[in-house]
Amino acid sequence: MLLLGVREENGWLASTFNLTYPVGWDKICKAVSMIYGFYDNVEILVDNRKIDISSKEEILKLEEAGNMTIRGISTIIKVPIMITFFNQLKKP
């Protein structure tokens, strides 16, 4: 992973990274599903629209889109965290 930049936006610290290799929708769904349990008051957004889900298994069934965001309160460091994953594979 390569850190492209860090900036402050409305009191939030925003970091942008570029992955070593392109990541497709299936891996994004798996990543969000894996970290789902480490959030309180968790929300999932697909292409910036909130999705109503009740379990991490439902994340694996979401239709492909341009990006997925997981946000809420980290149960590990007890602060709000928002992570957006961008679909980096182009459909043929």
PDB file of N, CA and C in Angstrom:
ATOM      1  N   MET A   1       0.827  -1.168   0.000  1.00  0.00           N
ATOM      2  CA  MET A   1       0.000   0.000   0.000  1.00  0.00           C
ATOM      3  C   MET A   1       0.878   1.241   0.000  1.00  0.00           C
ATOM      4  N   LEU A   2       0.430   2.232  -0.736  1.00  0.00           N
ATOM      5  CA  LEU A   2       1.176   3.477  -0.847  1.00  0.00           C
ATOM      6  C   LEU A   2       0.301   4.613  -0.319  1.00  0.00           C
ATOM      7  N   LEU A   3       0.815   5.359   0.664  1.00  0.00           N
ATOM      8  CA  LEU A   3       0.105   6.517   1.197  1.00  0.00           C
ATOM      9  C   LEU A   3       0.211   7.653   0.190  1.00  0.00           C
ATOM     10  N   LEU A   4      -0.940   8.103  -0.327  1.00  0.00           N
ATOM     11  CA  LEU A   4      -0.954   9.179  -1.318  1.00  0.00           C
ATOM     12  C   LEU A   4      -1.082  10.552  -0.675  1.00  0.00           C
ATOM     13  N   GLY A   5      -1.711  10.613   0.502  1.00  0.00           N
ATOM     14  CA  GLY A   5      -1.859  11.905   1.154  1.00  0.00           C
ATOM     15  C   GLY A   5      -2.729  11.839   2.387  1.00  0.00           C
ATOM     16  N   VAL A   6      -2.604  12.876   3.226  1.00  0.00           N
ATOM     17  CA  VAL A   6      -3.409  13.027   4.435  1.00  0.00           C
ATOM     18  C   VAL A   6      -3.904  14.467   4.464  1.00  0.00           C
ATOM     19  N   ARG A   7      -5.182  14.652   4.774  1.00  0.00           N
ATOM     20  CA  ARG A   7      -5.747  16.000   4.836  1.00  0.00           C
ATOM     21  C   ARG A   7      -6.812  16.052   5.936  1.00  0.00           C
ATOM     22  N   GLU A   8      -7.101  17.256   6.399  1.00  0.00           N
ATOM     23  CA  GLU A   8      -8.154  17.440   7.394  1.00  0.00           C
ATOM     24  C   GLU A   8      -9.419  17.916   6.693  1.00  0.00           C
ATOM     25  N   GLU A   9     -10.537  17.286   7.010  1.00  0.00           N
ATOM     26  CA  GLU A   9     -11.827  17.649   6.436  1.00  0.00           C
ATOM     27  C   GLU A   9     -12.854  17.748   7.552  1.00  0.00           C
ATOM     28  N   ASN A  10     -13.263  18.956   7.901  1.00  0.00           N
ATOM     29  CA  ASN A  10     -14.306  19.174   8.909  1.00  0.00           C
ATOM     30  C   ASN A  10     -14.022  18.455  10.223  1.00  0.00           C
ATOM     31  N   GLY A  11     -12.794  18.532  10.682  1.00  0.00           N
ATOM     32  CA  GLY A  11     -12.420  17.905  11.944  1.00  0.00           C
ATOM     33  C   GLY A  11     -12.030  16.441  11.838  1.00  0.00           C
ATOM     34  N   TRP A  12     -12.125  15.857  10.649  1.00  0.00           N
ATOM     35  CA  TRP A  12     -11.738  14.471  10.411  1.00  0.00           C
ATOM     36  C   TRP A  12     -10.371  14.445   9.754  1.00  0.00           C
ATOM     37  N   LEU A  13      -9.604  13.436  10.041  1.00  0.00           N
ATOM     38  CA  LEU A  13      -8.336  13.207   9.368  1.00  0.00           C
ATOM     39  C   LEU A  13      -8.594  12.188   8.264  1.00  0.00           C
ATOM     40  N   ALA A  14      -8.373  12.564   7.016  1.00  0.00           N
ATOM     41  CA  ALA A  14      -8.635  11.694   5.868  1.00  0.00           C
ATOM     42  C   ALA A  14      -7.313  11.291   5.230  1.00  0.00           C
ATOM     43  N   SER A  15      -7.101   9.988   5.116  1.00  0.00           N
ATOM     44  CA  SER A  15      -5.899   9.440   4.479  1.00  0.00           C
ATOM     45  C   SER A  15      -6.305   8.722   3.200  1.00  0.00           C
ATOM     46  N   THR A  16      -5.516   8.865   2.161  1.00  0.00           N
ATOM     47  CA  THR A  16      -5.776   8.188   0.898  1.00  0.00           C
ATOM     48  C   THR A  16      -4.616   7.261   0.598  1.00  0.00           C
ATOM     49  N   PHE A  17      -4.949   5.989   0.342  1.00  0.00           N
ATOM     50  CA  PHE A  17      -3.957   4.971   0.034  1.00  0.00           C
ATOM     51  C   PHE A  17      -4.249   4.380  -1.332  1.00  0.00           C
ATOM     52  N   ASN A  18      -3.221   3.941  -2.021  1.00  0.00           N
ATOM     53  CA  ASN A  18      -3.357   3.195  -3.265  1.00  0.00           C
ATOM     54  C   ASN A  18      -2.835   1.793  -2.992  1.00  0.00           C
ATOM     55  N   LEU A  19      -3.644   0.796  -3.318  1.00  0.00           N
ATOM     56  CA  LEU A  19      -3.231  -0.584  -3.064  1.00  0.00           C
ATOM     57  C   LEU A  19      -2.206  -1.054  -4.087  1.00  0.00           C
ATOM     58  N   THR A  20      -1.443  -2.050  -3.714  1.00  0.00           N
ATOM     59  CA  THR A  20      -0.403  -2.595  -4.578  1.00  0.00           C
ATOM     60  C   THR A  20      -0.995  -3.239  -5.827  1.00  0.00           C
ATOM     61  N   TYR A  21      -2.152  -3.883  -5.677  1.00  0.00           N
ATOM     62  CA  TYR A  21      -2.809  -4.510  -6.818  1.00  0.00           C
ATOM     63  C   TYR A  21      -4.305  -4.187  -6.762  1.00  0.00           C
ATOM     64  N   PRO A  22      -4.983  -4.175  -7.914  1.00  0.00           N
ATOM     65  CA  PRO A  22      -6.407  -3.830  -7.949  1.00  0.00           C
ATOM     66  C   PRO A  22      -7.252  -4.796  -7.121  1.00  0.00           C
ATOM     67  N   VAL A  23      -8.283  -4.258  -6.480  1.00  0.00           N
ATOM     68  CA  VAL A  23      -9.176  -5.052  -5.637  1.00  0.00           C
ATOM     69  C   VAL A  23     -10.584  -4.966  -6.206  1.00  0.00           C
ATOM     70  N   GLY A  24     -11.201  -6.123  -6.376  1.00  0.00           N
ATOM     71  CA  GLY A  24     -12.550  -6.181  -6.909  1.00  0.00           C
ATOM     72  C   GLY A  24     -13.606  -6.248  -5.826  1.00  0.00           C
ATOM     73  N   TRP A  25     -14.864  -6.282  -6.251  1.00  0.00           N
ATOM     74  CA  TRP A  25     -16.009  -6.203  -5.354  1.00  0.00           C
ATOM     75  C   TRP A  25     -16.051  -7.348  -4.337  1.00  0.00           C
ATOM     76  N   ASP A  26     -15.723  -8.567  -4.763  1.00  0.00           N
ATOM     77  CA  ASP A  26     -15.786  -9.699  -3.829  1.00  0.00           C
ATOM     78  C   ASP A  26     -14.833  -9.516  -2.648  1.00  0.00           C
ATOM     79  N   LYS A  27     -13.662  -8.993  -2.901  1.00  0.00           N
ATOM     80  CA  LYS A  27     -12.698  -8.768  -1.816  1.00  0.00           C
ATOM     81  C   LYS A  27     -13.126  -7.597  -0.923  1.00  0.00           C
ATOM     82  N   ILE A  28     -13.758  -6.584  -1.512  1.00  0.00           N
ATOM     83  CA  ILE A  28     -14.274  -5.466  -0.722  1.00  0.00           C
ATOM     84  C   ILE A  28     -15.353  -5.979   0.227  1.00  0.00           C
ATOM     85  N   CYS A  29     -16.268  -6.784  -0.287  1.00  0.00           N
ATOM     86  CA  CYS A  29     -17.334  -7.338   0.554  1.00  0.00           C
ATOM     87  C   CYS A  29     -16.756  -8.193   1.689  1.00  0.00           C
ATOM     88  N   LYS A  30     -15.758  -8.999   1.381  1.00  0.00           N
ATOM     89  CA  LYS A  30     -15.125  -9.824   2.417  1.00  0.00           C
ATOM     90  C   LYS A  30     -14.438  -8.965   3.477  1.00  0.00           C
ATOM     91  N   ALA A  31     -13.753  -7.917   3.057  1.00  0.00           N
ATOM     92  CA  ALA A  31     -13.062  -7.036   4.007  1.00  0.00           C
ATOM     93  C   ALA A  31     -14.055  -6.344   4.932  1.00  0.00           C
ATOM     94  N   VAL A  32     -15.120  -5.782   4.380  1.00  0.00           N
ATOM     95  CA  VAL A  32     -16.116  -5.088   5.196  1.00  0.00           C
ATOM     96  C   VAL A  32     -16.821  -6.075   6.121  1.00  0.00           C
ATOM     97  N   SER A  33     -17.112  -7.259   5.627  1.00  0.00           N
ATOM     98  CA  SER A  33     -17.738  -8.288   6.449  1.00  0.00           C
ATOM     99  C   SER A  33     -16.852  -8.674   7.638  1.00  0.00           C
ATOM    100  N   MET A  34     -15.554  -8.764   7.398  1.00  0.00           N
ATOM    101  CA  MET A  34     -14.611  -9.150   8.464  1.00  0.00           C
ATOM    102  C   MET A  34     -14.525  -8.103   9.575  1.00  0.00           C
ATOM    103  N   ILE A  35     -14.596  -6.815   9.231  1.00  0.00           N
ATOM    104  CA  ILE A  35     -14.436  -5.773  10.248  1.00  0.00           C
ATOM    105  C   ILE A  35     -15.762  -5.298  10.830  1.00  0.00           C
ATOM    106  N   TYR A  36     -16.877  -5.772  10.295  1.00  0.00           N
ATOM    107  CA  TYR A  36     -18.217  -5.377  10.726  1.00  0.00           C
ATOM    108  C   TYR A  36     -18.393  -5.527  12.244  1.00  0.00           C
ATOM    109  N   GLY A  37     -17.894  -6.586  12.814  1.00  0.00           N
ATOM    110  CA  GLY A  37     -18.051  -6.861  14.243  1.00  0.00           C
ATOM    111  C   GLY A  37     -17.217  -5.977  15.163  1.00  0.00           C
ATOM    112  N   PHE A  38     -16.342  -5.159  14.598  1.00  0.00           N
ATOM    113  CA  PHE A  38     -15.491  -4.276  15.393  1.00  0.00           C
ATOM    114  C   PHE A  38     -16.029  -2.853  15.451  1.00  0.00           C
ATOM    115  N   TYR A  39     -17.298  -2.677  15.108  1.00  0.00           N
ATOM    116  CA  TYR A  39     -17.957  -1.373  15.122  1.00  0.00           C
ATOM    117  C   TYR A  39     -19.223  -1.423  15.970  1.00  0.00           C
ATOM    118  N   ASP A  40     -19.500  -0.334  16.700  1.00  0.00           N
ATOM    119  CA  ASP A  40     -20.796  -0.090  17.310  1.00  0.00           C
ATOM    120  C   ASP A  40     -21.498   0.950  16.455  1.00  0.00           C
ATOM    121  N   ASN A  41     -22.824   0.911  16.454  1.00  0.00           N
ATOM    122  CA  ASN A  41     -23.617   1.852  15.641  1.00  0.00           C
ATOM    123  C   ASN A  41     -23.148   1.844  14.189  1.00  0.00           C
ATOM    124  N   VAL A  42     -22.914   0.664  13.672  1.00  0.00           N
ATOM    125  CA  VAL A  42     -22.329   0.508  12.342  1.00  0.00           C
ATOM    126  C   VAL A  42     -23.343   0.836  11.245  1.00  0.00           C
ATOM    127  N   GLU A  43     -22.828   1.484  10.191  1.00  0.00           N
ATOM    128  CA  GLU A  43     -23.607   1.759   8.991  1.00  0.00           C
ATOM    129  C   GLU A  43     -22.798   1.326   7.779  1.00  0.00           C
ATOM    130  N   ILE A  44     -23.501   0.782   6.786  1.00  0.00           N
ATOM    131  CA  ILE A  44     -22.879   0.387   5.528  1.00  0.00           C
ATOM    132  C   ILE A  44     -23.496   1.240   4.428  1.00  0.00           C
ATOM    133  N   LEU A  45     -22.644   1.818   3.598  1.00  0.00           N
ATOM    134  CA  LEU A  45     -23.109   2.603   2.455  1.00  0.00           C
ATOM    135  C   LEU A  45     -22.527   1.996   1.182  1.00  0.00           C
ATOM    136  N   VAL A  46     -23.343   1.903   0.142  1.00  0.00           N
ATOM    137  CA  VAL A  46     -22.890   1.456  -1.162  1.00  0.00           C
ATOM    138  C   VAL A  46     -23.160   2.603  -2.130  1.00  0.00           C
ATOM    139  N   ASP A  47     -22.115   3.068  -2.781  1.00  0.00           N
ATOM    140  CA  ASP A  47     -22.196   4.251  -3.644  1.00  0.00           C
ATOM    141  C   ASP A  47     -22.892   5.410  -2.915  1.00  0.00           C
ATOM    142  N   ASN A  48     -22.485   5.600  -1.656  1.00  0.00           N
ATOM    143  CA  ASN A  48     -22.949   6.696  -0.796  1.00  0.00           C
ATOM    144  C   ASN A  48     -24.421   6.614  -0.396  1.00  0.00           C
ATOM    145  N   ARG A  49     -25.055   5.446  -0.564  1.00  0.00           N
ATOM    146  CA  ARG A  49     -26.430   5.239  -0.113  1.00  0.00           C
ATOM    147  C   ARG A  49     -26.431   4.223   1.019  1.00  0.00           C
ATOM    148  N   LYS A  50     -27.080   4.576   2.139  1.00  0.00           N
ATOM    149  CA  LYS A  50     -27.124   3.687   3.301  1.00  0.00           C
ATOM    150  C   LYS A  50     -27.913   2.426   2.958  1.00  0.00           C
ATOM    151  N   ILE A  51     -27.332   1.286   3.333  1.00  0.00           N
ATOM    152  CA  ILE A  51     -27.943  -0.019   3.090  1.00  0.00           C
ATOM    153  C   ILE A  51     -28.382  -0.590   4.430  1.00  0.00           C
ATOM    154  N   ASP A  52     -29.615  -1.055   4.514  1.00  0.00           N
ATOM    155  CA  ASP A  52     -30.113  -1.673   5.743  1.00  0.00           C
ATOM    156  C   ASP A  52     -29.726  -3.144   5.760  1.00  0.00           C
ATOM    157  N   ILE A  53     -28.841  -3.496   6.672  1.00  0.00           N
ATOM    158  CA  ILE A  53     -28.451  -4.894   6.855  1.00  0.00           C
ATOM    159  C   ILE A  53     -28.496  -5.203   8.338  1.00  0.00           C
ATOM    160  N   SER A  54     -28.661  -6.486   8.649  1.00  0.00           N
ATOM    161  CA  SER A  54     -28.717  -6.885  10.047  1.00  0.00           C
ATOM    162  C   SER A  54     -27.623  -7.874  10.429  1.00  0.00           C
ATOM    163  N   SER A  55     -26.829  -8.321   9.450  1.00  0.00           N
ATOM    164  CA  SER A  55     -25.736  -9.248   9.759  1.00  0.00           C
ATOM    165  C   SER A  55     -24.605  -9.078   8.747  1.00  0.00           C
ATOM    166  N   LYS A  56     -23.424  -9.515   9.156  1.00  0.00           N
ATOM    167  CA  LYS A  56     -22.271  -9.386   8.263  1.00  0.00           C
ATOM    168  C   LYS A  56     -22.387 -10.293   7.041  1.00  0.00           C
ATOM    169  N   GLU A  57     -23.169 -11.366   7.147  1.00  0.00           N
ATOM    170  CA  GLU A  57     -23.345 -12.268   6.014  1.00  0.00           C
ATOM    171  C   GLU A  57     -24.066 -11.575   4.856  1.00  0.00           C
ATOM    172  N   GLU A  58     -24.950 -10.624   5.179  1.00  0.00           N
ATOM    173  CA  GLU A  58     -25.682  -9.898   4.142  1.00  0.00           C
ATOM    174  C   GLU A  58     -24.748  -9.039   3.282  1.00  0.00           C
ATOM    175  N   ILE A  59     -23.624  -8.629   3.841  1.00  0.00           N
ATOM    176  CA  ILE A  59     -22.660  -7.818   3.095  1.00  0.00           C
ATOM    177  C   ILE A  59     -22.124  -8.598   1.896  1.00  0.00           C
ATOM    178  N   LEU A  60     -21.915  -9.884   2.082  1.00  0.00           N
ATOM    179  CA  LEU A  60     -21.362 -10.717   1.010  1.00  0.00           C
ATOM    180  C   LEU A  60     -22.322 -10.867  -0.169  1.00  0.00           C
ATOM    181  N   LYS A  61     -23.590 -10.516   0.013  1.00  0.00           N
ATOM    182  CA  LYS A  61     -24.601 -10.670  -1.038  1.00  0.00           C
ATOM    183  C   LYS A  61     -24.936  -9.360  -1.750  1.00  0.00           C
ATOM    184  N   LEU A  62     -24.266  -8.268  -1.386  1.00  0.00           N
ATOM    185  CA  LEU A  62     -24.576  -6.976  -1.999  1.00  0.00           C
ATOM    186  C   LEU A  62     -24.143  -6.948  -3.463  1.00  0.00           C
ATOM    187  N   GLU A  63     -24.956  -6.310  -4.303  1.00  0.00           N
ATOM    188  CA  GLU A  63     -24.632  -6.205  -5.724  1.00  0.00           C
ATOM    189  C   GLU A  63     -23.438  -5.291  -5.941  1.00  0.00           C
ATOM    190  N   GLU A  64     -22.671  -5.595  -6.977  1.00  0.00           N
ATOM    191  CA  GLU A  64     -21.454  -4.834  -7.281  1.00  0.00           C
ATOM    192  C   GLU A  64     -21.761  -3.364  -7.537  1.00  0.00           C
ATOM    193  N   ALA A  65     -20.870  -2.514  -7.041  1.00  0.00           N
ATOM    194  CA  ALA A  65     -21.013  -1.067  -7.188  1.00  0.00           C
ATOM    195  C   ALA A  65     -19.621  -0.447  -7.236  1.00  0.00           C
ATOM    196  N   GLY A  66     -19.580   0.869  -7.222  1.00  0.00           N
ATOM    197  CA  GLY A  66     -18.317   1.591  -7.319  1.00  0.00           C
ATOM    198  C   GLY A  66     -17.544   1.676  -6.025  1.00  0.00           C
ATOM    199  N   ASN A  67     -18.264   1.729  -4.888  1.00  0.00           N
ATOM    200  CA  ASN A  67     -17.560   1.788  -3.602  1.00  0.00           C
ATOM    201  C   ASN A  67     -18.461   1.328  -2.474  1.00  0.00           C
ATOM    202  N   MET A  68     -17.837   0.979  -1.352  1.00  0.00           N
ATOM    203  CA  MET A  68     -18.551   0.593  -0.146  1.00  0.00           C
ATOM    204  C   MET A  68     -17.876   1.275   1.037  1.00  0.00           C
ATOM    205  N   THR A  69     -18.698   1.837   1.926  1.00  0.00           N
ATOM    206  CA  THR A  69     -18.207   2.513   3.122  1.00  0.00           C
ATOM    207  C   THR A  69     -18.754   1.814   4.347  1.00  0.00           C
ATOM    208  N   ILE A  70     -17.901   1.632   5.340  1.00  0.00           N
ATOM    209  CA  ILE A  70     -18.327   1.162   6.651  1.00  0.00           C
ATOM    210  C   ILE A  70     -17.963   2.269   7.635  1.00  0.00           C
ATOM    211  N   ARG A  71     -18.920   2.618   8.500  1.00  0.00           N
ATOM    212  CA  ARG A  71     -18.651   3.683   9.463  1.00  0.00           C
ATOM    213  C   ARG A  71     -19.379   3.394  10.765  1.00  0.00           C
ATOM    214  N   GLY A  72     -18.814   3.931  11.831  1.00  0.00           N
ATOM    215  CA  GLY A  72     -19.377   3.754  13.165  1.00  0.00           C
ATOM    216  C   GLY A  72     -18.308   4.025  14.206  1.00  0.00           C
ATOM    217  N   ILE A  73     -18.560   3.533  15.418  1.00  0.00           N
ATOM    218  CA  ILE A  73     -17.617   3.708  16.525  1.00  0.00           C
ATOM    219  C   ILE A  73     -16.768   2.450  16.639  1.00  0.00           C
ATOM    220  N   SER A  74     -15.456   2.600  16.560  1.00  0.00           N
ATOM    221  CA  SER A  74     -14.547   1.466  16.699  1.00  0.00           C
ATOM    222  C   SER A  74     -14.645   0.907  18.113  1.00  0.00           C
ATOM    223  N   THR A  75     -14.849  -0.399  18.218  1.00  0.00           N
ATOM    224  CA  THR A  75     -14.873  -1.032  19.540  1.00  0.00           C
ATOM    225  C   THR A  75     -13.458  -1.221  20.085  1.00  0.00           C
ATOM    226  N   ILE A  76     -12.462  -1.019  19.245  1.00  0.00           N
ATOM    227  CA  ILE A  76     -11.071  -1.196  19.666  1.00  0.00           C
ATOM    228  C   ILE A  76     -10.492   0.102  20.223  1.00  0.00           C
ATOM    229  N   ILE A  77     -10.604   1.188  19.456  1.00  0.00           N
ATOM    230  CA  ILE A  77      -9.999   2.449  19.912  1.00  0.00           C
ATOM    231  C   ILE A  77     -11.031   3.479  20.373  1.00  0.00           C
ATOM    232  N   LYS A  78     -12.325   3.091  20.339  1.00  0.00           N
ATOM    233  CA  LYS A  78     -13.421   3.897  20.917  1.00  0.00           C
ATOM    234  C   LYS A  78     -13.570   5.287  20.295  1.00  0.00           C
ATOM    235  N   VAL A  79     -13.349   5.400  19.003  1.00  0.00           N
ATOM    236  CA  VAL A  79     -13.544   6.660  18.279  1.00  0.00           C
ATOM    237  C   VAL A  79     -14.293   6.364  16.980  1.00  0.00           C
ATOM    238  N   PRO A  80     -14.946   7.393  16.407  1.00  0.00           N
ATOM    239  CA  PRO A  80     -15.612   7.183  15.120  1.00  0.00           C
ATOM    240  C   PRO A  80     -14.589   6.941  14.007  1.00  0.00           C
ATOM    241  N   ILE A  81     -14.897   5.947  13.175  1.00  0.00           N
ATOM    242  CA  ILE A  81     -14.025   5.627  12.033  1.00  0.00           C
ATOM    243  C   ILE A  81     -14.912   5.365  10.823  1.00  0.00           C
ATOM    244  N   MET A  82     -14.479   5.889   9.680  1.00  0.00           N
ATOM    245  CA  MET A  82     -15.161   5.635   8.419  1.00  0.00           C
ATOM    246  C   MET A  82     -14.106   5.200   7.406  1.00  0.00           C
ATOM    247  N   ILE A  83     -14.348   4.055   6.754  1.00  0.00           N
ATOM    248  CA  ILE A  83     -13.433   3.544   5.739  1.00  0.00           C
ATOM    249  C   ILE A  83     -14.230   3.343   4.452  1.00  0.00           C
ATOM    250  N   THR A  84     -13.715   3.882   3.352  1.00  0.00           N
ATOM    251  CA  THR A  84     -14.347   3.696   2.050  1.00  0.00           C
ATOM    252  C   THR A  84     -13.417   2.875   1.173  1.00  0.00           C
ATOM    253  N   PHE A  85     -13.962   1.806   0.612  1.00  0.00           N
ATOM    254  CA  PHE A  85     -13.229   0.949  -0.315  1.00  0.00           C
ATOM    255  C   PHE A  85     -13.758   1.218  -1.722  1.00  0.00           C
ATOM    256  N   PHE A  86     -12.857   1.427  -2.680  1.00  0.00           N
ATOM    257  CA  PHE A  86     -13.239   1.691  -4.061  1.00  0.00           C
ATOM    258  C   PHE A  86     -13.007   0.457  -4.909  1.00  0.00           C
ATOM    259  N   ASN A  87     -14.000   0.100  -5.680  1.00  0.00           N
ATOM    260  CA  ASN A  87     -13.905  -1.030  -6.604  1.00  0.00           C
ATOM    261  C   ASN A  87     -12.903  -0.663  -7.695  1.00  0.00           C
ATOM    262  N   GLN A  88     -11.812  -1.385  -7.767  1.00  0.00           N
ATOM    263  CA  GLN A  88     -10.731  -1.027  -8.665  1.00  0.00           C
ATOM    264  C   GLN A  88     -10.649  -1.890  -9.914  1.00  0.00           C
ATOM    265  N   LEU A  89     -11.593  -2.808 -10.054  1.00  0.00           N
ATOM    266  CA  LEU A  89     -11.593  -3.634 -11.256  1.00  0.00           C
ATOM    267  C   LEU A  89     -12.640  -3.116 -12.222  1.00  0.00           C
ATOM    268  N   LYS A  90     -12.294  -3.074 -13.482  1.00  0.00           N
ATOM    269  CA  LYS A  90     -13.232  -2.628 -14.504  1.00  0.00           C
ATOM    270  C   LYS A  90     -13.904  -3.842 -15.112  1.00  0.00           C
ATOM    271  N   LYS A  91     -15.222  -3.761 -15.204  1.00  0.00           N
ATOM    272  CA  LYS A  91     -15.966  -4.852 -15.842  1.00  0.00           C
ATOM    273  C   LYS A  91     -15.691  -4.836 -17.351  1.00  0.00           C
ATOM    274  N   PRO A  92     -15.592  -6.025 -17.956  1.00  0.00           N
ATOM    275  CA  PRO A  92     -15.368  -6.072 -19.414  1.00  0.00           C
ATOM    276  C   PRO A  92     -16.566  -5.572 -20.180  1.00  0.00           C
TER     277      PRO A  92
END
